[in-house]
Amino acid sequence: MSGEYQMRKTIGKCFRSATDNFNGVIRIYGSPYMYRVINGIPEKGAMLEVVDFSSTELFVTVNNYLFESDVNYIDNP
């Protein structure tokens, strides 16, 4: 149950893509999460937004209308 709760908390979060791959890893709330781009073409530096999840990964879409100033932005160095 707590794993699903943590995954649910990631919905709406956004971050910059570090690569142009469709799969990757992002650290949110101190935990690493696998993600998969399900909509759009990822490019290095593109803004990705978490829209859904499964038991093993987050599903993200490319949304370059979001900015780092967004309250849901996650800095992922």
N, C-alpha and C. Protein backbone atom coordinates (compact mmCIF):
# COMPACT_ATOMS: atom_id res chain seq x y z
N MET A 1 0.82 -1.19 0.00
CA MET A 1 0.00 0.00 0.00
C MET A 1 0.86 1.25 0.00
N SER A 2 1.92 1.30 0.79
CA SER A 2 2.73 2.51 0.85
C SER A 2 3.46 2.75 -0.47
N GLY A 3 3.79 1.68 -1.21
CA GLY A 3 4.42 1.84 -2.51
C GLY A 3 3.48 2.52 -3.50
N GLU A 4 2.22 2.11 -3.48
CA GLU A 4 1.23 2.73 -4.36
C GLU A 4 1.00 4.19 -3.95
N TYR A 5 1.00 4.47 -2.67
CA TYR A 5 0.83 5.83 -2.18
C TYR A 5 1.96 6.71 -2.70
N GLN A 6 3.20 6.22 -2.62
CA GLN A 6 4.34 6.99 -3.13
C GLN A 6 4.22 7.22 -4.62
N MET A 7 3.82 6.20 -5.38
CA MET A 7 3.65 6.34 -6.83
C MET A 7 2.55 7.36 -7.13
N ARG A 8 1.47 7.32 -6.41
CA ARG A 8 0.36 8.25 -6.63
C ARG A 8 0.80 9.70 -6.39
N LYS A 9 1.69 9.91 -5.42
CA LYS A 9 2.18 11.25 -5.12
C LYS A 9 3.01 11.83 -6.26
N THR A 10 3.52 10.99 -7.16
CA THR A 10 4.35 11.49 -8.27
C THR A 10 3.51 12.02 -9.43
N ILE A 11 2.21 11.71 -9.48
CA ILE A 11 1.35 12.18 -10.58
C ILE A 11 1.38 13.71 -10.61
N GLY A 12 1.63 14.26 -11.80
CA GLY A 12 1.68 15.71 -11.98
C GLY A 12 3.06 16.30 -11.80
N LYS A 13 4.00 15.54 -11.27
CA LYS A 13 5.37 16.05 -11.12
C LYS A 13 6.02 16.14 -12.49
N CYS A 14 6.94 17.08 -12.65
CA CYS A 14 7.62 17.24 -13.93
C CYS A 14 9.12 17.39 -13.69
N PHE A 15 9.89 17.03 -14.71
CA PHE A 15 11.35 17.10 -14.62
C PHE A 15 11.93 17.15 -16.01
N ARG A 16 13.19 17.59 -16.11
CA ARG A 16 13.88 17.65 -17.38
C ARG A 16 14.51 16.30 -17.69
N SER A 17 14.38 15.87 -18.93
CA SER A 17 14.98 14.61 -19.37
C SER A 17 16.49 14.77 -19.47
N ALA A 18 17.21 13.80 -18.95
CA ALA A 18 18.67 13.83 -19.02
C ALA A 18 19.19 13.23 -20.32
N THR A 19 18.34 12.46 -21.01
CA THR A 19 18.75 11.78 -22.24
C THR A 19 17.62 11.86 -23.26
N ASP A 20 17.85 11.28 -24.44
CA ASP A 20 16.79 11.21 -25.44
C ASP A 20 16.19 9.81 -25.52
N ASN A 21 16.34 9.03 -24.46
CA ASN A 21 15.79 7.68 -24.41
C ASN A 21 14.33 7.69 -23.97
N PHE A 22 13.59 6.67 -24.37
CA PHE A 22 12.20 6.53 -23.97
C PHE A 22 12.07 5.97 -22.55
N ASN A 23 13.13 5.40 -22.00
CA ASN A 23 13.12 4.86 -20.64
C ASN A 23 14.23 5.51 -19.84
N GLY A 24 14.02 5.61 -18.54
CA GLY A 24 15.05 6.19 -17.69
C GLY A 24 14.72 6.01 -16.23
N VAL A 25 15.52 6.67 -15.39
CA VAL A 25 15.34 6.62 -13.94
C VAL A 25 15.33 8.05 -13.42
N ILE A 26 14.40 8.34 -12.54
CA ILE A 26 14.30 9.66 -11.89
C ILE A 26 14.21 9.43 -10.39
N ARG A 27 14.84 10.30 -9.62
CA ARG A 27 14.77 10.22 -8.16
C ARG A 27 13.73 11.25 -7.70
N ILE A 28 12.66 10.74 -7.07
CA ILE A 28 11.60 11.60 -6.54
C ILE A 28 11.38 11.22 -5.09
N TYR A 29 11.36 12.22 -4.22
CA TYR A 29 11.20 11.99 -2.78
C TYR A 29 12.26 11.03 -2.25
N GLY A 30 13.45 11.09 -2.82
CA GLY A 30 14.56 10.28 -2.36
C GLY A 30 14.58 8.85 -2.86
N SER A 31 13.58 8.46 -3.63
CA SER A 31 13.53 7.10 -4.15
C SER A 31 13.67 7.09 -5.67
N PRO A 32 14.39 6.10 -6.20
CA PRO A 32 14.52 6.01 -7.66
C PRO A 32 13.28 5.36 -8.28
N TYR A 33 12.84 5.92 -9.38
CA TYR A 33 11.69 5.38 -10.11
C TYR A 33 12.07 5.20 -11.57
N MET A 34 11.69 4.07 -12.13
CA MET A 34 11.83 3.86 -13.57
C MET A 34 10.70 4.61 -14.24
N TYR A 35 10.99 5.22 -15.40
CA TYR A 35 9.92 5.86 -16.14
C TYR A 35 9.98 5.49 -17.62
N ARG A 36 8.84 5.65 -18.28
CA ARG A 36 8.73 5.38 -19.72
C ARG A 36 7.94 6.51 -20.36
N VAL A 37 8.46 7.08 -21.45
CA VAL A 37 7.75 8.11 -22.19
C VAL A 37 6.68 7.42 -23.04
N ILE A 38 5.41 7.82 -22.84
CA ILE A 38 4.31 7.19 -23.57
C ILE A 38 3.67 8.14 -24.59
N ASN A 39 4.06 9.41 -24.54
CA ASN A 39 3.50 10.37 -25.49
C ASN A 39 4.54 11.45 -25.78
N GLY A 40 4.84 11.64 -27.04
CA GLY A 40 5.84 12.62 -27.44
C GLY A 40 7.17 11.97 -27.71
N ILE A 41 8.08 12.77 -28.24
CA ILE A 41 9.42 12.28 -28.55
C ILE A 41 10.39 12.92 -27.56
N PRO A 42 11.03 12.10 -26.73
CA PRO A 42 11.94 12.67 -25.72
C PRO A 42 13.23 13.19 -26.36
N GLU A 43 13.66 14.31 -25.89
CA GLU A 43 14.95 14.88 -26.27
C GLU A 43 15.66 15.27 -24.99
N LYS A 44 16.96 15.33 -25.03
CA LYS A 44 17.71 15.77 -23.87
C LYS A 44 17.26 17.18 -23.52
N GLY A 45 16.86 17.39 -22.28
CA GLY A 45 16.40 18.69 -21.82
C GLY A 45 14.91 18.93 -21.97
N ALA A 46 14.18 17.98 -22.57
CA ALA A 46 12.72 18.13 -22.70
C ALA A 46 12.07 18.00 -21.33
N MET A 47 10.97 18.71 -21.14
CA MET A 47 10.23 18.61 -19.88
C MET A 47 9.30 17.41 -19.96
N LEU A 48 9.38 16.55 -18.96
CA LEU A 48 8.55 15.36 -18.87
C LEU A 48 7.61 15.49 -17.68
N GLU A 49 6.36 15.07 -17.86
CA GLU A 49 5.37 15.15 -16.79
C GLU A 49 4.82 13.75 -16.50
N VAL A 50 4.78 13.39 -15.23
CA VAL A 50 4.24 12.09 -14.81
C VAL A 50 2.72 12.14 -14.92
N VAL A 51 2.14 11.20 -15.69
CA VAL A 51 0.68 11.18 -15.89
C VAL A 51 0.02 9.92 -15.36
N ASP A 52 0.79 8.84 -15.15
CA ASP A 52 0.21 7.59 -14.66
C ASP A 52 1.33 6.70 -14.16
N PHE A 53 0.99 5.54 -13.64
CA PHE A 53 1.99 4.60 -13.15
C PHE A 53 1.46 3.19 -13.17
N SER A 54 2.39 2.25 -13.15
CA SER A 54 2.04 0.84 -12.97
C SER A 54 2.76 0.38 -11.70
N SER A 55 2.74 -0.89 -11.44
CA SER A 55 3.42 -1.38 -10.23
C SER A 55 4.93 -1.29 -10.35
N THR A 56 5.46 -1.10 -11.57
CA THR A 56 6.91 -1.11 -11.74
C THR A 56 7.50 0.18 -12.31
N GLU A 57 6.67 1.07 -12.89
CA GLU A 57 7.24 2.27 -13.50
C GLU A 57 6.24 3.40 -13.60
N LEU A 58 6.78 4.60 -13.82
CA LEU A 58 5.97 5.79 -14.06
C LEU A 58 5.80 5.98 -15.55
N PHE A 59 4.66 6.50 -15.96
CA PHE A 59 4.42 6.82 -17.36
C PHE A 59 4.44 8.35 -17.48
N VAL A 60 5.24 8.84 -18.41
CA VAL A 60 5.40 10.29 -18.56
C VAL A 60 5.11 10.71 -19.99
N THR A 61 4.77 11.99 -20.14
CA THR A 61 4.57 12.56 -21.46
C THR A 61 5.49 13.77 -21.60
N VAL A 62 5.86 14.08 -22.83
CA VAL A 62 6.64 15.28 -23.09
C VAL A 62 5.68 16.46 -23.01
N ASN A 63 6.01 17.45 -22.17
CA ASN A 63 5.17 18.64 -22.00
C ASN A 63 6.08 19.85 -21.85
N ASN A 64 6.48 20.42 -22.97
CA ASN A 64 7.41 21.55 -22.93
C ASN A 64 6.73 22.88 -22.62
N TYR A 65 5.44 22.84 -22.24
CA TYR A 65 4.76 24.05 -21.79
C TYR A 65 5.00 24.30 -20.31
N LEU A 66 5.58 23.33 -19.62
CA LEU A 66 5.90 23.48 -18.19
C LEU A 66 7.30 24.07 -18.04
N PHE A 67 7.54 24.72 -16.90
CA PHE A 67 8.83 25.35 -16.63
C PHE A 67 9.35 24.93 -15.26
N GLU A 68 10.63 25.23 -15.04
CA GLU A 68 11.24 24.91 -13.75
C GLU A 68 10.56 25.65 -12.60
N SER A 69 9.91 26.76 -12.88
CA SER A 69 9.23 27.52 -11.83
C SER A 69 7.92 26.88 -11.39
N ASP A 70 7.47 25.84 -12.10
CA ASP A 70 6.24 25.13 -11.75
C ASP A 70 6.41 24.52 -10.35
N VAL A 71 5.36 24.59 -9.55
CA VAL A 71 5.41 24.08 -8.18
C VAL A 71 5.69 22.59 -8.15
N ASN A 72 5.38 21.86 -9.21
CA ASN A 72 5.57 20.41 -9.26
C ASN A 72 6.91 20.00 -9.89
N TYR A 73 7.79 20.96 -10.15
CA TYR A 73 9.07 20.64 -10.79
C TYR A 73 10.00 19.92 -9.81
N ILE A 74 10.62 18.84 -10.28
CA ILE A 74 11.60 18.08 -9.51
C ILE A 74 12.96 18.30 -10.15
N ASP A 75 13.90 18.86 -9.39
CA ASP A 75 15.26 19.04 -9.91
C ASP A 75 15.97 17.69 -9.83
N ASN A 76 16.45 17.20 -10.97
CA ASN A 76 17.08 15.90 -11.02
C ASN A 76 18.49 16.04 -11.59
N PRO A 77 19.45 16.39 -10.73
CA PRO A 77 20.82 16.63 -11.23
C PRO A 77 21.49 15.40 -11.77
